[in-house]
Amino acid sequence: MLTCPTHRPIYFCAVPVDFRKSFDGLTGVITSVFELSVLDGHLFLFINKRRDRIKAMWWDRDGIVIIYKLEGGRLLSGRASLRFPRRWIPSETTPECHHWPSEKCLDCWKQVIDHAKEKKVTLVLEHLNSRDNSHPMKGHPGYFGDGVERCIDLVKRMDSPRFKVLFDVYHVQIMNGDVICRIQMYHPLIGHYHTAGNPGRCELYETQEIHYPAVMNAIVATGYTGFVAQEFIPTWSDPVLAMRHSEMVCDV
């Protein structure tokens, strides 16, 4: 019995796809429809043109898994079976359904943006990773704004100097990578920065994979003059010393 990854965010492609597509073809659909990667760790669902079959696809550490063929609420793959909760099977779909969360977010923000302008306050949309489910401060499974490009797109659609992205370097590294390039590309739409070491959201030191002096130099080069917030989880016995050390690392 194969167990479906219920702890992951679920993305349902309401536009029917050609079920002759396999790994490469469905990976292309994920990129074009959701602007995500199968390696992000989400569960992606696809329906065929007759809407009587479903394929489930996800990354499972050692490789990509595809399970398909719907029969009586159960997905079958070879001799193995996967129990498929009926609440995941939509009774009615439209090609626009995957845009619905974005539209709801925009409708909400538009109700407060004029007040922000009046008070000269800049609202920021924080990008968070949805991959790490080990601790509530390390990841946020199910969070809609888990792709930095999606957050940038939403900020562009708001089209206001009082609405920008909160660029959390830790979360961007986990979900998207290519941190410095993204800072250079999107800096006009970034209103604030957060730091933390990865893996573990710990202090900023040499055992971490993010080289913060280079990241900070990239931020400075964009002309940014705002604050950079330290948002790591202290593991040192002296958290004040950990904070001072991280400030030194970022002082370029």
C-alpha atoms as a PDB file:
ATOM      1  CA  MET A   1       0.000   0.000   0.000  1.00  0.00           C
ATOM      2  CA  LEU A   2       1.446   3.365  -1.008  1.00  0.00           C
ATOM      3  CA  THR A   3       0.667   6.292   1.295  1.00  0.00           C
ATOM      4  CA  CYS A   4      -0.236   9.613  -0.256  1.00  0.00           C
ATOM      5  CA  PRO A   5       1.777  12.580   1.165  1.00  0.00           C
ATOM      6  CA  THR A   6      -1.022  14.329   3.073  1.00  0.00           C
ATOM      7  CA  HIS A   7       1.290  16.843   4.801  1.00  0.00           C
ATOM      8  CA  ARG A   8       2.135  18.577   1.507  1.00  0.00           C
ATOM      9  CA  PRO A   9       0.389  21.477  -0.215  1.00  0.00           C
ATOM     10  CA  ILE A  10      -1.883  20.160  -2.968  1.00  0.00           C
ATOM     11  CA  TYR A  11      -2.035  21.791  -6.400  1.00  0.00           C
ATOM     12  CA  PHE A  12      -4.861  20.679  -8.667  1.00  0.00           C
ATOM     13  CA  CYS A  13      -4.568  21.447 -12.385  1.00  0.00           C
ATOM     14  CA  ALA A  14      -8.146  22.072 -13.466  1.00  0.00           C
ATOM     15  CA  VAL A  15      -7.154  22.230 -17.125  1.00  0.00           C
ATOM     16  CA  PRO A  16      -7.294  18.671 -18.548  1.00  0.00           C
ATOM     17  CA  VAL A  17      -3.962  17.297 -19.744  1.00  0.00           C
ATOM     18  CA  ASP A  18      -2.970  14.632 -22.241  1.00  0.00           C
ATOM     19  CA  PHE A  19      -2.449  11.521 -20.126  1.00  0.00           C
ATOM     20  CA  ARG A  20       0.213  10.302 -22.520  1.00  0.00           C
ATOM     21  CA  LYS A  21       2.414  12.831 -20.751  1.00  0.00           C
ATOM     22  CA  SER A  22       4.728  11.322 -18.185  1.00  0.00           C
ATOM     23  CA  PHE A  23       7.552  12.757 -16.100  1.00  0.00           C
ATOM     24  CA  ASP A  24       8.876  15.341 -18.553  1.00  0.00           C
ATOM     25  CA  GLY A  25       5.477  16.363 -19.910  1.00  0.00           C
ATOM     26  CA  LEU A  26       3.828  16.793 -16.513  1.00  0.00           C
ATOM     27  CA  THR A  27       6.887  18.630 -15.203  1.00  0.00           C
ATOM     28  CA  GLY A  28       6.345  21.111 -18.037  1.00  0.00           C
ATOM     29  CA  VAL A  29       2.695  21.527 -17.040  1.00  0.00           C
ATOM     30  CA  ILE A  30       3.719  22.229 -13.439  1.00  0.00           C
ATOM     31  CA  THR A  31       6.146  24.897 -14.612  1.00  0.00           C
ATOM     32  CA  SER A  32       3.724  26.596 -17.027  1.00  0.00           C
ATOM     33  CA  VAL A  33       0.521  26.433 -14.963  1.00  0.00           C
ATOM     34  CA  PHE A  34       1.746  26.852 -11.392  1.00  0.00           C
ATOM     35  CA  GLU A  35       5.174  28.439 -11.991  1.00  0.00           C
ATOM     36  CA  LEU A  36       6.587  25.822  -9.614  1.00  0.00           C
ATOM     37  CA  SER A  37       8.932  22.854  -9.755  1.00  0.00           C
ATOM     38  CA  VAL A  38       8.063  19.252  -8.970  1.00  0.00           C
ATOM     39  CA  LEU A  39      11.180  19.328  -6.774  1.00  0.00           C
ATOM     40  CA  ASP A  40       9.455  21.870  -4.488  1.00  0.00           C
ATOM     41  CA  GLY A  41       7.864  18.918  -2.705  1.00  0.00           C
ATOM     42  CA  HIS A  42       4.196  19.628  -3.391  1.00  0.00           C
ATOM     43  CA  LEU A  43       1.569  17.127  -4.496  1.00  0.00           C
ATOM     44  CA  PHE A  44       0.294  17.844  -8.025  1.00  0.00           C
ATOM     45  CA  LEU A  45      -2.969  16.414  -9.352  1.00  0.00           C
ATOM     46  CA  PHE A  46      -4.026  16.190 -13.015  1.00  0.00           C
ATOM     47  CA  ILE A  47      -7.206  15.121 -14.785  1.00  0.00           C
ATOM     48  CA  ASN A  48      -7.614  13.764 -18.319  1.00  0.00           C
ATOM     49  CA  LYS A  49      -9.892  15.226 -20.993  1.00  0.00           C
ATOM     50  CA  ARG A  50     -12.731  12.825 -20.173  1.00  0.00           C
ATOM     51  CA  ARG A  51     -12.367  13.714 -16.497  1.00  0.00           C
ATOM     52  CA  ASP A  52     -12.509  10.069 -15.454  1.00  0.00           C
ATOM     53  CA  ARG A  53      -8.836   9.615 -14.576  1.00  0.00           C
ATOM     54  CA  ILE A  54      -6.472  11.388 -12.203  1.00  0.00           C
ATOM     55  CA  LYS A  55      -2.696  11.385 -12.007  1.00  0.00           C
ATOM     56  CA  ALA A  56      -0.858  12.301  -8.810  1.00  0.00           C
ATOM     57  CA  MET A  57       2.777  13.379  -9.022  1.00  0.00           C
ATOM     58  CA  TRP A  58       5.278  14.379  -6.352  1.00  0.00           C
ATOM     59  CA  TRP A  59       8.958  14.314  -5.424  1.00  0.00           C
ATOM     60  CA  ASP A  60       9.741  11.651  -2.831  1.00  0.00           C
ATOM     61  CA  ARG A  61      13.418  12.160  -1.887  1.00  0.00           C
ATOM     62  CA  ASP A  62      14.762   9.380  -4.094  1.00  0.00           C
ATOM     63  CA  GLY A  63      12.836  10.357  -7.214  1.00  0.00           C
ATOM     64  CA  ILE A  64       9.577  11.474  -8.796  1.00  0.00           C
ATOM     65  CA  VAL A  65       6.458   9.413  -8.117  1.00  0.00           C
ATOM     66  CA  ILE A  66       3.510   9.196 -10.517  1.00  0.00           C
ATOM     67  CA  ILE A  67       0.368   7.285  -9.584  1.00  0.00           C
ATOM     68  CA  TYR A  68      -2.672   7.196 -11.812  1.00  0.00           C
ATOM     69  CA  LYS A  69      -5.955   5.602 -12.860  1.00  0.00           C
ATOM     70  CA  LEU A  70      -9.055   6.314 -10.794  1.00  0.00           C
ATOM     71  CA  GLU A  71     -11.444   3.470 -10.005  1.00  0.00           C
ATOM     72  CA  GLY A  72     -14.118   3.872  -7.359  1.00  0.00           C
ATOM     73  CA  GLY A  73     -12.189   6.430  -5.376  1.00  0.00           C
ATOM     74  CA  ARG A  74      -8.946   4.429  -5.434  1.00  0.00           C
ATOM     75  CA  LEU A  75      -5.845   5.138  -7.501  1.00  0.00           C
ATOM     76  CA  LEU A  76      -4.005   2.129  -8.853  1.00  0.00           C
ATOM     77  CA  SER A  77      -0.406   1.848 -10.043  1.00  0.00           C
ATOM     78  CA  GLY A  78       0.718  -1.619 -11.083  1.00  0.00           C
ATOM     79  CA  ARG A  79       0.106  -3.965  -8.158  1.00  0.00           C
ATOM     80  CA  ALA A  80       0.224  -1.197  -5.566  1.00  0.00           C
ATOM     81  CA  SER A  81      -2.777   0.875  -4.586  1.00  0.00           C
ATOM     82  CA  LEU A  82      -3.179   4.321  -3.106  1.00  0.00           C
ATOM     83  CA  ARG A  83      -6.179   5.381  -1.073  1.00  0.00           C
ATOM     84  CA  PHE A  84      -7.343   8.665  -2.522  1.00  0.00           C
ATOM     85  CA  PRO A  85      -9.558  10.844  -0.264  1.00  0.00           C
ATOM     86  CA  ARG A  86     -12.754  11.789  -2.076  1.00  0.00           C
ATOM     87  CA  ARG A  87     -12.503  15.350  -0.781  1.00  0.00           C
ATOM     88  CA  TRP A  88      -9.605  15.785  -3.238  1.00  0.00           C
ATOM     89  CA  ILE A  89     -11.787  14.821  -6.201  1.00  0.00           C
ATOM     90  CA  PRO A  90     -13.610  17.962  -7.448  1.00  0.00           C
ATOM     91  CA  SER A  91     -17.193  17.541  -8.559  1.00  0.00           C
ATOM     92  CA  GLU A  92     -17.032  20.696 -10.657  1.00  0.00           C
ATOM     93  CA  THR A  93     -13.997  22.489 -12.069  1.00  0.00           C
ATOM     94  CA  THR A  94     -13.206  25.416 -14.327  1.00  0.00           C
ATOM     95  CA  PRO A  95      -9.928  26.367 -16.024  1.00  0.00           C
ATOM     96  CA  GLU A  96      -9.784  29.454 -13.822  1.00  0.00           C
ATOM     97  CA  CYS A  97     -10.022  27.674 -10.465  1.00  0.00           C
ATOM     98  CA  HIS A  98      -6.298  27.782  -9.719  1.00  0.00           C
ATOM     99  CA  HIS A  99      -6.450  31.602  -9.981  1.00  0.00           C
ATOM    100  CA  TRP A 100      -9.108  31.856  -7.285  1.00  0.00           C
ATOM    101  CA  PRO A 101      -6.753  32.183  -4.257  1.00  0.00           C
ATOM    102  CA  SER A 102      -4.810  34.983  -5.975  1.00  0.00           C
ATOM    103  CA  GLU A 103      -7.970  36.923  -6.748  1.00  0.00           C
ATOM    104  CA  LYS A 104      -9.201  36.590  -3.172  1.00  0.00           C
ATOM    105  CA  CYS A 105      -5.866  37.852  -1.849  1.00  0.00           C
ATOM    106  CA  LEU A 106      -5.912  40.849  -4.184  1.00  0.00           C
ATOM    107  CA  ASP A 107      -9.506  41.690  -3.247  1.00  0.00           C
ATOM    108  CA  CYS A 108      -8.539  41.671   0.429  1.00  0.00           C
ATOM    109  CA  TRP A 109      -5.421  43.813   0.029  1.00  0.00           C
ATOM    110  CA  LYS A 110      -7.228  46.374  -2.132  1.00  0.00           C
ATOM    111  CA  GLN A 111      -9.547  47.046   0.783  1.00  0.00           C
ATOM    112  CA  VAL A 112      -6.647  48.317   2.932  1.00  0.00           C
ATOM    113  CA  ILE A 113      -4.124  49.727   0.461  1.00  0.00           C
ATOM    114  CA  ASP A 114      -5.697  53.201   0.364  1.00  0.00           C
ATOM    115  CA  HIS A 115      -5.485  53.388   4.150  1.00  0.00           C
ATOM    116  CA  ALA A 116      -1.816  52.388   3.959  1.00  0.00           C
ATOM    117  CA  LYS A 117      -1.166  55.143   1.424  1.00  0.00           C
ATOM    118  CA  GLU A 118      -2.915  57.682   3.637  1.00  0.00           C
ATOM    119  CA  LYS A 119      -0.815  56.700   6.656  1.00  0.00           C
ATOM    120  CA  LYS A 120       2.358  56.381   4.553  1.00  0.00           C
ATOM    121  CA  VAL A 121       2.782  52.749   5.570  1.00  0.00           C
ATOM    122  CA  THR A 122       4.224  50.110   3.238  1.00  0.00           C
ATOM    123  CA  LEU A 123       2.589  46.693   3.454  1.00  0.00           C
ATOM    124  CA  VAL A 124       4.788  43.675   2.715  1.00  0.00           C
ATOM    125  CA  LEU A 125       3.817  40.203   1.525  1.00  0.00           C
ATOM    126  CA  GLU A 126       6.115  37.608   3.071  1.00  0.00           C
ATOM    127  CA  HIS A 127       7.259  34.655   1.016  1.00  0.00           C
ATOM    128  CA  LEU A 128       7.452  31.496   3.184  1.00  0.00           C
ATOM    129  CA  ASN A 129       8.615  27.978   2.464  1.00  0.00           C
ATOM    130  CA  SER A 130       6.087  25.139   2.580  1.00  0.00           C
ATOM    131  CA  ARG A 131       8.600  22.290   2.478  1.00  0.00           C
ATOM    132  CA  ASP A 132       9.872  22.082   6.058  1.00  0.00           C
ATOM    133  CA  ASN A 133       7.241  20.673   8.420  1.00  0.00           C
ATOM    134  CA  SER A 134       9.636  19.949  11.299  1.00  0.00           C
ATOM    135  CA  HIS A 135       8.877  23.142  13.273  1.00  0.00           C
ATOM    136  CA  PRO A 136       6.265  25.940  12.945  1.00  0.00           C
ATOM    137  CA  MET A 137       9.031  28.535  12.621  1.00  0.00           C
ATOM    138  CA  LYS A 138      11.027  26.586  10.029  1.00  0.00           C
ATOM    139  CA  GLY A 139       8.319  26.008   7.427  1.00  0.00           C
ATOM    140  CA  HIS A 140       4.651  26.515   6.692  1.00  0.00           C
ATOM    141  CA  PRO A 141       3.078  23.571   4.825  1.00  0.00           C
ATOM    142  CA  GLY A 142       0.059  24.660   2.809  1.00  0.00           C
ATOM    143  CA  TYR A 143       1.048  28.336   2.616  1.00  0.00           C
ATOM    144  CA  PHE A 144      -0.122  29.834  -0.678  1.00  0.00           C
ATOM    145  CA  GLY A 145       2.707  32.365  -1.050  1.00  0.00           C
ATOM    146  CA  ASP A 146       5.468  29.756  -1.106  1.00  0.00           C
ATOM    147  CA  GLY A 147       6.847  30.729  -4.523  1.00  0.00           C
ATOM    148  CA  VAL A 148       8.766  33.997  -4.689  1.00  0.00           C
ATOM    149  CA  GLU A 149       7.730  34.518  -8.313  1.00  0.00           C
ATOM    150  CA  ARG A 150       4.076  34.169  -7.335  1.00  0.00           C
ATOM    151  CA  CYS A 151       4.531  36.793  -4.602  1.00  0.00           C
ATOM    152  CA  ILE A 152       6.290  39.123  -7.040  1.00  0.00           C
ATOM    153  CA  ASP A 153       3.441  38.665  -9.520  1.00  0.00           C
ATOM    154  CA  LEU A 154       0.864  39.535  -6.859  1.00  0.00           C
ATOM    155  CA  VAL A 155       2.805  42.661  -5.898  1.00  0.00           C
ATOM    156  CA  LYS A 156       2.955  43.706  -9.550  1.00  0.00           C
ATOM    157  CA  ARG A 157      -0.790  43.217  -9.854  1.00  0.00           C
ATOM    158  CA  MET A 158      -1.375  45.418  -6.807  1.00  0.00           C
ATOM    159  CA  ASP A 159       0.608  48.122  -8.659  1.00  0.00           C
ATOM    160  CA  SER A 160       1.234  50.287  -5.597  1.00  0.00           C
ATOM    161  CA  PRO A 161       4.462  51.693  -4.112  1.00  0.00           C
ATOM    162  CA  ARG A 162       2.901  50.906  -0.727  1.00  0.00           C
ATOM    163  CA  PHE A 163       2.744  47.153  -1.360  1.00  0.00           C
ATOM    164  CA  LYS A 164       5.939  45.122  -1.694  1.00  0.00           C
ATOM    165  CA  VAL A 165       7.527  41.735  -1.001  1.00  0.00           C
ATOM    166  CA  LEU A 166       9.208  40.757   2.238  1.00  0.00           C
ATOM    167  CA  PHE A 167      12.208  38.829   0.934  1.00  0.00           C
ATOM    168  CA  ASP A 168      13.153  36.221   3.534  1.00  0.00           C
ATOM    169  CA  VAL A 169      16.513  34.859   2.397  1.00  0.00           C
ATOM    170  CA  TYR A 170      16.057  31.626   4.342  1.00  0.00           C
ATOM    171  CA  HIS A 171      12.696  30.813   2.764  1.00  0.00           C
ATOM    172  CA  VAL A 172      13.804  31.814  -0.743  1.00  0.00           C
ATOM    173  CA  GLN A 173      16.857  29.567  -0.469  1.00  0.00           C
ATOM    174  CA  ILE A 174      14.680  26.577   0.460  1.00  0.00           C
ATOM    175  CA  MET A 175      11.923  27.079  -2.114  1.00  0.00           C
ATOM    176  CA  ASN A 176      13.678  28.730  -5.045  1.00  0.00           C
ATOM    177  CA  GLY A 177      17.410  29.209  -4.516  1.00  0.00           C
ATOM    178  CA  ASP A 178      19.450  31.564  -6.717  1.00  0.00           C
ATOM    179  CA  VAL A 179      19.083  34.176  -3.952  1.00  0.00           C
ATOM    180  CA  ILE A 180      21.425  36.883  -5.229  1.00  0.00           C
ATOM    181  CA  CYS A 181      20.054  36.715  -8.771  1.00  0.00           C
ATOM    182  CA  ARG A 182      16.508  37.126  -7.460  1.00  0.00           C
ATOM    183  CA  ILE A 183      17.530  40.083  -5.303  1.00  0.00           C
ATOM    184  CA  GLN A 184      19.036  41.739  -8.379  1.00  0.00           C
ATOM    185  CA  MET A 185      15.938  40.993 -10.466  1.00  0.00           C
ATOM    186  CA  TYR A 186      13.236  41.976  -7.990  1.00  0.00           C
ATOM    187  CA  HIS A 187      14.797  44.609  -5.731  1.00  0.00           C
ATOM    188  CA  PRO A 188      12.459  47.440  -6.885  1.00  0.00           C
ATOM    189  CA  LEU A 189       9.550  45.361  -5.529  1.00  0.00           C
ATOM    190  CA  ILE A 190      11.241  44.326  -2.252  1.00  0.00           C
ATOM    191  CA  GLY A 191      10.341  46.321   0.845  1.00  0.00           C
ATOM    192  CA  HIS A 192      12.127  44.407   3.599  1.00  0.00           C
ATOM    193  CA  TYR A 193      14.569  41.528   4.200  1.00  0.00           C
ATOM    194  CA  HIS A 194      14.809  38.720   6.773  1.00  0.00           C
ATOM    195  CA  THR A 195      17.805  36.497   7.475  1.00  0.00           C
ATOM    196  CA  ALA A 196      18.403  33.048   8.989  1.00  0.00           C
ATOM    197  CA  GLY A 197      20.875  30.259   8.414  1.00  0.00           C
ATOM    198  CA  ASN A 198      19.925  27.216   6.386  1.00  0.00           C
ATOM    199  CA  PRO A 199      19.505  24.375   7.166  1.00  0.00           C
ATOM    200  CA  GLY A 200      17.715  24.691  10.487  1.00  0.00           C
ATOM    201  CA  ARG A 201      16.895  28.416  10.556  1.00  0.00           C
ATOM    202  CA  CYS A 202      19.826  28.834  12.944  1.00  0.00           C
ATOM    203  CA  GLU A 203      22.552  31.432  13.379  1.00  0.00           C
ATOM    204  CA  LEU A 204      24.482  32.830  10.434  1.00  0.00           C
ATOM    205  CA  TYR A 205      27.840  31.064  10.552  1.00  0.00           C
ATOM    206  CA  GLU A 206      30.227  29.100   8.378  1.00  0.00           C
ATOM    207  CA  THR A 207      28.448  25.727   8.617  1.00  0.00           C
ATOM    208  CA  GLN A 208      25.388  27.140   6.847  1.00  0.00           C
ATOM    209  CA  GLU A 209      24.875  26.988   3.085  1.00  0.00           C
ATOM    210  CA  ILE A 210      23.961  30.688   2.700  1.00  0.00           C
ATOM    211  CA  HIS A 211      26.989  32.977   2.460  1.00  0.00           C
ATOM    212  CA  TYR A 212      25.527  36.122   3.977  1.00  0.00           C
ATOM    213  CA  PRO A 213      28.376  38.577   3.281  1.00  0.00           C
ATOM    214  CA  ALA A 214      27.799  38.046  -0.451  1.00  0.00           C
ATOM    215  CA  VAL A 215      24.027  38.293  -0.022  1.00  0.00           C
ATOM    216  CA  MET A 216      24.313  41.518   1.967  1.00  0.00           C
ATOM    217  CA  ASN A 217      26.680  43.026  -0.593  1.00  0.00           C
ATOM    218  CA  ALA A 218      24.116  42.235  -3.276  1.00  0.00           C
ATOM    219  CA  ILE A 219      21.402  43.968  -1.250  1.00  0.00           C
ATOM    220  CA  VAL A 220      23.591  47.052  -0.690  1.00  0.00           C
ATOM    221  CA  ALA A 221      24.410  47.192  -4.412  1.00  0.00           C
ATOM    222  CA  THR A 222      20.701  47.626  -5.227  1.00  0.00           C
ATOM    223  CA  GLY A 223      20.611  50.876  -3.254  1.00  0.00           C
ATOM    224  CA  TYR A 224      18.468  49.472  -0.463  1.00  0.00           C
ATOM    225  CA  THR A 225      18.668  51.644   2.676  1.00  0.00           C
ATOM    226  CA  GLY A 226      16.035  50.000   4.863  1.00  0.00           C
ATOM    227  CA  PHE A 227      16.325  47.490   7.668  1.00  0.00           C
ATOM    228  CA  VAL A 228      17.407  43.850   7.507  1.00  0.00           C
ATOM    229  CA  ALA A 229      15.838  41.810  10.325  1.00  0.00           C
ATOM    230  CA  GLN A 230      17.571  38.860  11.971  1.00  0.00           C
ATOM    231  CA  GLU A 231      14.919  36.142  12.263  1.00  0.00           C
ATOM    232  CA  PHE A 232      16.826  33.004  13.194  1.00  0.00           C
ATOM    233  CA  ILE A 233      16.139  30.527  16.012  1.00  0.00           C
ATOM    234  CA  PRO A 234      19.042  30.792  18.515  1.00  0.00           C
ATOM    235  CA  THR A 235      20.869  27.562  19.276  1.00  0.00           C
ATOM    236  CA  TRP A 236      23.898  29.017  21.033  1.00  0.00           C
ATOM    237  CA  SER A 237      23.971  29.012  24.835  1.00  0.00           C
ATOM    238  CA  ASP A 238      24.204  32.824  24.726  1.00  0.00           C
ATOM    239  CA  PRO A 239      21.501  34.162  22.352  1.00  0.00           C
ATOM    240  CA  VAL A 240      22.750  37.736  22.735  1.00  0.00           C
ATOM    241  CA  LEU A 241      26.183  36.673  21.526  1.00  0.00           C
ATOM    242  CA  ALA A 242      24.506  34.837  18.630  1.00  0.00           C
ATOM    243  CA  MET A 243      22.707  38.037  17.659  1.00  0.00           C
ATOM    244  CA  ARG A 244      25.900  40.087  17.824  1.00  0.00           C
ATOM    245  CA  HIS A 245      27.711  37.543  15.691  1.00  0.00           C
ATOM    246  CA  SER A 246      24.975  37.582  13.040  1.00  0.00           C
ATOM    247  CA  GLU A 247      25.042  41.386  12.999  1.00  0.00           C
ATOM    248  CA  MET A 248      28.790  41.260  12.371  1.00  0.00           C
ATOM    249  CA  VAL A 249      28.329  38.762   9.524  1.00  0.00           C
ATOM    250  CA  CYS A 250      25.826  41.092   7.861  1.00  0.00           C
ATOM    251  CA  ASP A 251      27.837  44.298   8.448  1.00  0.00           C
ATOM    252  CA  VAL A 252      29.341  44.901   5.029  1.00  0.00           C
END
